[in-house]
Amino acid sequence: MILFLDHQNVYKGARETFHEPSLAPGTDGQIDPVRLGVWLIENSPYDRELVEVRIYRGQPHPSRDARGHAAFVRQRVDWENDPRVVGVFRDLRYPRGWPDRCAPGLKPQEKGIDVALAIDYVKLALEGRYDVGILMSTDSDLKPALEVVAAMRPNGGPRVEAAAWKGPGAKRPLSLSQPKIWSHLLDKSCYDAVRDATNYGLPI
């Protein structure tokens, strides 16, 4: 099994489902990606092996956001201590004049992350790299990738599965009308088990 994580979507989803985002510190919503992969394995009725956890995320630029970049590097190093982790990172795009001279409310944005995830989900399926691909995101832009891989299933292709948080205010998991795919709905007990309370903004 390979777990594909749309990091920012997963993080924001956890904050909105299990916390009050306007009051919660930045550490609320963080998860340990490998622990989540192991949790999915241990709570599956099937005999599965976690071979990879792929994390797709925008990265702060060191010259635009030195503190954010340093925190990102510390978190990345922590993740990549496990050889099963593969990080796919792309520089954030910053608003003109950010942070002091841009319009209020504008924030750096991820660009190309969903495209990279979608391409890899299909590419690795075509290469036979996984038997089960669990994609955790609620971003509907990723549905075409699920559709492509799901269409391979009758010819011996991999099993397509989705995952999303479950709770008040949680967004609906990705789904297909045909063929139907399995959705892992992850409640607070799962979140508590995989939560990462490390403050990566603090130097070690």
C-alpha atoms as a PDB file:
ATOM      1  CA  MET A   1       0.000   0.000   0.000  1.00  0.00           C
ATOM      2  CA  ILE A   2       1.078   3.562  -0.704  1.00  0.00           C
ATOM      3  CA  LEU A   3      -0.504   6.456   1.175  1.00  0.00           C
ATOM      4  CA  PHE A   4      -0.697   9.706  -0.802  1.00  0.00           C
ATOM      5  CA  LEU A   5      -1.146  12.776   1.426  1.00  0.00           C
ATOM      6  CA  ASP A   6      -2.279  16.193   0.261  1.00  0.00           C
ATOM      7  CA  HIS A   7      -0.565  17.728   3.280  1.00  0.00           C
ATOM      8  CA  GLN A   8      -2.144  21.159   3.494  1.00  0.00           C
ATOM      9  CA  ASN A   9      -5.600  19.753   2.817  1.00  0.00           C
ATOM     10  CA  VAL A  10      -5.139  17.112   5.525  1.00  0.00           C
ATOM     11  CA  TYR A  11      -3.755  19.662   8.011  1.00  0.00           C
ATOM     12  CA  LYS A  12      -6.497  22.237   7.432  1.00  0.00           C
ATOM     13  CA  GLY A  13      -9.137  19.534   7.490  1.00  0.00           C
ATOM     14  CA  ALA A  14      -7.966  18.332  10.903  1.00  0.00           C
ATOM     15  CA  ARG A  15      -8.004  21.881  12.286  1.00  0.00           C
ATOM     16  CA  GLU A  16     -11.521  22.532  10.976  1.00  0.00           C
ATOM     17  CA  THR A  17     -12.860  19.165  12.158  1.00  0.00           C
ATOM     18  CA  PHE A  18     -11.242  18.761  15.569  1.00  0.00           C
ATOM     19  CA  HIS A  19     -10.288  22.311  16.623  1.00  0.00           C
ATOM     20  CA  GLU A  20     -11.436  25.906  16.468  1.00  0.00           C
ATOM     21  CA  PRO A  21      -9.065  27.180  13.749  1.00  0.00           C
ATOM     22  CA  SER A  22      -9.166  30.837  14.831  1.00  0.00           C
ATOM     23  CA  LEU A  23      -8.062  29.895  18.361  1.00  0.00           C
ATOM     24  CA  ALA A  24      -5.890  26.842  17.774  1.00  0.00           C
ATOM     25  CA  PRO A  25      -2.084  27.103  17.803  1.00  0.00           C
ATOM     26  CA  GLY A  26      -0.287  26.146  14.619  1.00  0.00           C
ATOM     27  CA  THR A  27       0.595  22.707  15.962  1.00  0.00           C
ATOM     28  CA  ASP A  28      -3.088  21.712  16.124  1.00  0.00           C
ATOM     29  CA  GLY A  29      -3.876  19.722  13.003  1.00  0.00           C
ATOM     30  CA  GLN A  30      -0.388  18.279  12.549  1.00  0.00           C
ATOM     31  CA  ILE A  31      -0.131  14.522  12.090  1.00  0.00           C
ATOM     32  CA  ASP A  32       2.654  11.982  11.873  1.00  0.00           C
ATOM     33  CA  PRO A  33       2.300  10.687   8.283  1.00  0.00           C
ATOM     34  CA  VAL A  34       3.898   7.289   8.946  1.00  0.00           C
ATOM     35  CA  ARG A  35       1.829   6.756  12.078  1.00  0.00           C
ATOM     36  CA  LEU A  36      -1.267   7.441   9.966  1.00  0.00           C
ATOM     37  CA  GLY A  37      -0.137   4.913   7.365  1.00  0.00           C
ATOM     38  CA  VAL A  38       0.459   2.308  10.061  1.00  0.00           C
ATOM     39  CA  TRP A  39      -2.950   3.071  11.601  1.00  0.00           C
ATOM     40  CA  LEU A  40      -4.621   2.429   8.227  1.00  0.00           C
ATOM     41  CA  ILE A  41      -2.775  -0.876   7.913  1.00  0.00           C
ATOM     42  CA  GLU A  42      -3.588  -2.027  11.434  1.00  0.00           C
ATOM     43  CA  ASN A  43      -7.265  -1.113  11.052  1.00  0.00           C
ATOM     44  CA  SER A  44      -7.719  -2.827   7.697  1.00  0.00           C
ATOM     45  CA  PRO A  45      -9.467  -6.197   7.455  1.00  0.00           C
ATOM     46  CA  TYR A  46      -6.935  -7.119   4.762  1.00  0.00           C
ATOM     47  CA  ASP A  47      -3.317  -8.220   5.038  1.00  0.00           C
ATOM     48  CA  ARG A  48      -1.453  -5.142   3.819  1.00  0.00           C
ATOM     49  CA  GLU A  49       2.070  -3.753   3.923  1.00  0.00           C
ATOM     50  CA  LEU A  50       2.865  -0.054   4.040  1.00  0.00           C
ATOM     51  CA  VAL A  51       5.647   0.469   1.512  1.00  0.00           C
ATOM     52  CA  GLU A  52       5.518   4.248   1.045  1.00  0.00           C
ATOM     53  CA  VAL A  53       4.022   7.423   2.446  1.00  0.00           C
ATOM     54  CA  ARG A  54       4.149  10.212  -0.114  1.00  0.00           C
ATOM     55  CA  ILE A  55       3.701  13.773   1.186  1.00  0.00           C
ATOM     56  CA  TYR A  56       2.802  16.595  -1.220  1.00  0.00           C
ATOM     57  CA  ARG A  57       3.332  20.057   0.206  1.00  0.00           C
ATOM     58  CA  GLY A  58       4.335  23.622  -0.603  1.00  0.00           C
ATOM     59  CA  GLN A  59       7.582  24.780   0.995  1.00  0.00           C
ATOM     60  CA  PRO A  60       8.345  28.282   2.297  1.00  0.00           C
ATOM     61  CA  HIS A  61      11.156  30.056   0.482  1.00  0.00           C
ATOM     62  CA  PRO A  62      14.192  30.773   2.704  1.00  0.00           C
ATOM     63  CA  SER A  63      14.562  34.367   1.464  1.00  0.00           C
ATOM     64  CA  ARG A  64      10.841  35.205   1.768  1.00  0.00           C
ATOM     65  CA  ASP A  65      10.054  33.425   5.033  1.00  0.00           C
ATOM     66  CA  ALA A  66      13.200  32.342   6.873  1.00  0.00           C
ATOM     67  CA  ARG A  67      11.383  31.223  10.032  1.00  0.00           C
ATOM     68  CA  GLY A  68       8.742  29.297   8.113  1.00  0.00           C
ATOM     69  CA  HIS A  69      11.407  27.654   5.980  1.00  0.00           C
ATOM     70  CA  ALA A  70      13.417  26.619   9.048  1.00  0.00           C
ATOM     71  CA  ALA A  71      10.313  25.067  10.641  1.00  0.00           C
ATOM     72  CA  PHE A  72       9.540  23.259   7.382  1.00  0.00           C
ATOM     73  CA  VAL A  73      13.083  21.847   7.206  1.00  0.00           C
ATOM     74  CA  ARG A  74      12.886  20.562  10.794  1.00  0.00           C
ATOM     75  CA  GLN A  75       9.550  18.871  10.061  1.00  0.00           C
ATOM     76  CA  ARG A  76      10.835  17.435   6.784  1.00  0.00           C
ATOM     77  CA  VAL A  77      13.906  15.960   8.491  1.00  0.00           C
ATOM     78  CA  ASP A  78      11.649  14.395  11.113  1.00  0.00           C
ATOM     79  CA  TRP A  79       9.441  12.858   8.430  1.00  0.00           C
ATOM     80  CA  GLU A  80      12.324  11.569   6.326  1.00  0.00           C
ATOM     81  CA  ASN A  81      13.911   9.730   9.243  1.00  0.00           C
ATOM     82  CA  ASP A  82      11.609   6.934   8.108  1.00  0.00           C
ATOM     83  CA  PRO A  83      12.823   5.488   4.778  1.00  0.00           C
ATOM     84  CA  ARG A  84       9.243   4.883   3.659  1.00  0.00           C
ATOM     85  CA  VAL A  85       8.592   8.631   3.400  1.00  0.00           C
ATOM     86  CA  VAL A  86       8.872  10.378   0.043  1.00  0.00           C
ATOM     87  CA  GLY A  87       8.393  14.135   0.066  1.00  0.00           C
ATOM     88  CA  VAL A  88       7.303  16.054  -3.008  1.00  0.00           C
ATOM     89  CA  PHE A  89       7.768  19.751  -2.260  1.00  0.00           C
ATOM     90  CA  ARG A  90       7.307  22.848  -4.416  1.00  0.00           C
ATOM     91  CA  ASP A  91       8.050  26.475  -3.529  1.00  0.00           C
ATOM     92  CA  LEU A  92       5.084  28.529  -2.365  1.00  0.00           C
ATOM     93  CA  ARG A  93       3.990  31.471  -4.513  1.00  0.00           C
ATOM     94  CA  TYR A  94       3.982  34.758  -2.592  1.00  0.00           C
ATOM     95  CA  PRO A  95       1.660  37.730  -3.176  1.00  0.00           C
ATOM     96  CA  ARG A  96       3.325  40.862  -4.490  1.00  0.00           C
ATOM     97  CA  GLY A  97       4.696  42.888  -1.591  1.00  0.00           C
ATOM     98  CA  TRP A  98       4.297  40.039   0.909  1.00  0.00           C
ATOM     99  CA  PRO A  99       4.233  40.272   3.871  1.00  0.00           C
ATOM    100  CA  ASP A 100       4.341  44.001   4.620  1.00  0.00           C
ATOM    101  CA  ARG A 101       2.962  45.615   1.468  1.00  0.00           C
ATOM    102  CA  CYS A 102       0.338  43.198   0.171  1.00  0.00           C
ATOM    103  CA  ALA A 103      -3.427  43.385   0.538  1.00  0.00           C
ATOM    104  CA  PRO A 104      -4.788  42.227   3.915  1.00  0.00           C
ATOM    105  CA  GLY A 105      -5.650  38.557   4.084  1.00  0.00           C
ATOM    106  CA  LEU A 106      -3.463  37.486   1.186  1.00  0.00           C
ATOM    107  CA  LYS A 107      -1.247  34.514   1.965  1.00  0.00           C
ATOM    108  CA  PRO A 108       1.341  32.436   0.106  1.00  0.00           C
ATOM    109  CA  GLN A 109      -0.282  29.767  -2.051  1.00  0.00           C
ATOM    110  CA  GLU A 110       0.633  26.288  -3.187  1.00  0.00           C
ATOM    111  CA  LYS A 111       1.044  25.920  -6.941  1.00  0.00           C
ATOM    112  CA  GLY A 112       1.253  22.624  -8.776  1.00  0.00           C
ATOM    113  CA  ILE A 113       0.940  20.393  -5.727  1.00  0.00           C
ATOM    114  CA  ASP A 114      -2.372  18.822  -6.749  1.00  0.00           C
ATOM    115  CA  VAL A 115      -1.055  18.284 -10.278  1.00  0.00           C
ATOM    116  CA  ALA A 116       2.095  16.573  -8.963  1.00  0.00           C
ATOM    117  CA  LEU A 117       0.014  14.324  -6.716  1.00  0.00           C
ATOM    118  CA  ALA A 118      -2.407  13.402  -9.496  1.00  0.00           C
ATOM    119  CA  ILE A 119       0.414  12.605 -11.932  1.00  0.00           C
ATOM    120  CA  ASP A 120       2.223  10.410  -9.405  1.00  0.00           C
ATOM    121  CA  TYR A 121      -0.959   8.571  -8.416  1.00  0.00           C
ATOM    122  CA  VAL A 122      -1.492   7.552 -12.045  1.00  0.00           C
ATOM    123  CA  LYS A 123       2.189   7.099 -12.959  1.00  0.00           C
ATOM    124  CA  LEU A 124       2.973   4.794 -10.030  1.00  0.00           C
ATOM    125  CA  ALA A 125      -0.153   2.745 -10.771  1.00  0.00           C
ATOM    126  CA  LEU A 126       0.957   2.285 -14.391  1.00  0.00           C
ATOM    127  CA  GLU A 127       4.403   1.227 -13.148  1.00  0.00           C
ATOM    128  CA  GLY A 128       2.847  -1.367 -10.826  1.00  0.00           C
ATOM    129  CA  ARG A 129       4.333   0.298  -7.767  1.00  0.00           C
ATOM    130  CA  TYR A 130       1.312  -0.305  -5.546  1.00  0.00           C
ATOM    131  CA  ASP A 131      -1.560  -2.736  -5.138  1.00  0.00           C
ATOM    132  CA  VAL A 132      -3.568  -0.300  -2.998  1.00  0.00           C
ATOM    133  CA  GLY A 133      -3.330   3.481  -3.298  1.00  0.00           C
ATOM    134  CA  ILE A 134      -5.012   5.476  -0.535  1.00  0.00           C
ATOM    135  CA  LEU A 135      -5.361   9.151  -1.410  1.00  0.00           C
ATOM    136  CA  MET A 136      -6.129  11.456   1.515  1.00  0.00           C
ATOM    137  CA  SER A 137      -7.587  14.759   0.363  1.00  0.00           C
ATOM    138  CA  THR A 138     -10.968  16.372  -0.174  1.00  0.00           C
ATOM    139  CA  ASP A 139      -9.786  18.349  -3.207  1.00  0.00           C
ATOM    140  CA  SER A 140     -12.153  17.461  -6.067  1.00  0.00           C
ATOM    141  CA  ASP A 141      -9.432  18.389  -8.593  1.00  0.00           C
ATOM    142  CA  LEU A 142      -7.874  15.005  -7.764  1.00  0.00           C
ATOM    143  CA  LYS A 143     -10.910  12.958  -8.811  1.00  0.00           C
ATOM    144  CA  PRO A 144      -9.732  12.489 -12.419  1.00  0.00           C
ATOM    145  CA  ALA A 145      -6.624  10.685 -11.138  1.00  0.00           C
ATOM    146  CA  LEU A 146      -8.807   8.336  -9.111  1.00  0.00           C
ATOM    147  CA  GLU A 147     -10.999   7.742 -12.159  1.00  0.00           C
ATOM    148  CA  VAL A 148      -8.031   6.829 -14.360  1.00  0.00           C
ATOM    149  CA  VAL A 149      -6.600   4.326 -11.880  1.00  0.00           C
ATOM    150  CA  ALA A 150     -10.013   2.907 -10.959  1.00  0.00           C
ATOM    151  CA  ALA A 151     -10.602   2.173 -14.661  1.00  0.00           C
ATOM    152  CA  MET A 152      -7.493  -0.019 -14.608  1.00  0.00           C
ATOM    153  CA  ARG A 153      -8.929  -2.290 -11.914  1.00  0.00           C
ATOM    154  CA  PRO A 154     -10.827  -4.759 -14.169  1.00  0.00           C
ATOM    155  CA  ASN A 155      -7.562  -5.421 -16.010  1.00  0.00           C
ATOM    156  CA  GLY A 156      -5.569  -6.171 -12.867  1.00  0.00           C
ATOM    157  CA  GLY A 157      -4.839  -2.606 -11.844  1.00  0.00           C
ATOM    158  CA  PRO A 158      -4.497  -1.456  -8.232  1.00  0.00           C
ATOM    159  CA  ARG A 159      -7.284  -0.852  -5.759  1.00  0.00           C
ATOM    160  CA  VAL A 160      -8.301   2.794  -5.394  1.00  0.00           C
ATOM    161  CA  GLU A 161      -9.246   4.081  -1.941  1.00  0.00           C
ATOM    162  CA  ALA A 162      -9.783   7.525  -0.423  1.00  0.00           C
ATOM    163  CA  ALA A 163      -9.475   8.875   3.105  1.00  0.00           C
ATOM    164  CA  ALA A 164     -10.819  11.927   4.900  1.00  0.00           C
ATOM    165  CA  TRP A 165     -11.482  13.165   8.416  1.00  0.00           C
ATOM    166  CA  LYS A 166     -14.857  12.425   9.978  1.00  0.00           C
ATOM    167  CA  GLY A 167     -16.581  14.807  12.354  1.00  0.00           C
ATOM    168  CA  PRO A 168     -18.712  17.963  12.600  1.00  0.00           C
ATOM    169  CA  GLY A 169     -17.870  20.299   9.745  1.00  0.00           C
ATOM    170  CA  ALA A 170     -15.646  17.783   7.957  1.00  0.00           C
ATOM    171  CA  LYS A 171     -15.663  17.905   4.173  1.00  0.00           C
ATOM    172  CA  ARG A 172     -16.936  14.935   2.194  1.00  0.00           C
ATOM    173  CA  PRO A 173     -14.342  12.377   1.086  1.00  0.00           C
ATOM    174  CA  LEU A 174     -13.537  11.976  -2.575  1.00  0.00           C
ATOM    175  CA  SER A 175     -15.837   9.488  -4.258  1.00  0.00           C
ATOM    176  CA  LEU A 176     -16.676   8.104  -7.702  1.00  0.00           C
ATOM    177  CA  SER A 177     -20.088   7.240  -9.052  1.00  0.00           C
ATOM    178  CA  GLN A 178     -18.721   4.312 -11.058  1.00  0.00           C
ATOM    179  CA  PRO A 179     -16.909   2.325  -9.969  1.00  0.00           C
ATOM    180  CA  LYS A 180     -17.555   2.796  -6.275  1.00  0.00           C
ATOM    181  CA  ILE A 181     -14.411   3.183  -4.160  1.00  0.00           C
ATOM    182  CA  TRP A 182     -13.825   2.591  -0.468  1.00  0.00           C
ATOM    183  CA  SER A 183     -13.522   5.671   1.759  1.00  0.00           C
ATOM    184  CA  HIS A 184     -11.685   5.592   5.077  1.00  0.00           C
ATOM    185  CA  LEU A 185     -13.517   8.006   7.392  1.00  0.00           C
ATOM    186  CA  LEU A 186     -11.071   8.921  10.128  1.00  0.00           C
ATOM    187  CA  ASP A 187     -12.615  10.132  13.379  1.00  0.00           C
ATOM    188  CA  LYS A 188     -11.120  11.791  16.447  1.00  0.00           C
ATOM    189  CA  SER A 189      -9.820   8.517  17.852  1.00  0.00           C
ATOM    190  CA  CYS A 190      -7.665   8.153  14.737  1.00  0.00           C
ATOM    191  CA  TYR A 191      -6.615  11.793  14.849  1.00  0.00           C
ATOM    192  CA  ASP A 192      -5.584  11.481  18.503  1.00  0.00           C
ATOM    193  CA  ALA A 193      -3.553   8.369  17.676  1.00  0.00           C
ATOM    194  CA  VAL A 194      -1.596   9.995  14.832  1.00  0.00           C
ATOM    195  CA  ARG A 195      -1.438  13.586  16.062  1.00  0.00           C
ATOM    196  CA  ASP A 196       1.958  15.322  16.152  1.00  0.00           C
ATOM    197  CA  ALA A 197       2.156  18.074  18.776  1.00  0.00           C
ATOM    198  CA  THR A 198       5.779  19.006  17.986  1.00  0.00           C
ATOM    199  CA  ASN A 199       6.390  22.732  17.620  1.00  0.00           C
ATOM    200  CA  TYR A 200       8.751  22.755  14.649  1.00  0.00           C
ATOM    201  CA  GLY A 201       8.993  26.530  14.899  1.00  0.00           C
ATOM    202  CA  LEU A 202      11.206  26.160  17.952  1.00  0.00           C
ATOM    203  CA  PRO A 203      14.892  25.386  17.283  1.00  0.00           C
ATOM    204  CA  ILE A 204      16.066  22.123  18.784  1.00  0.00           C
END
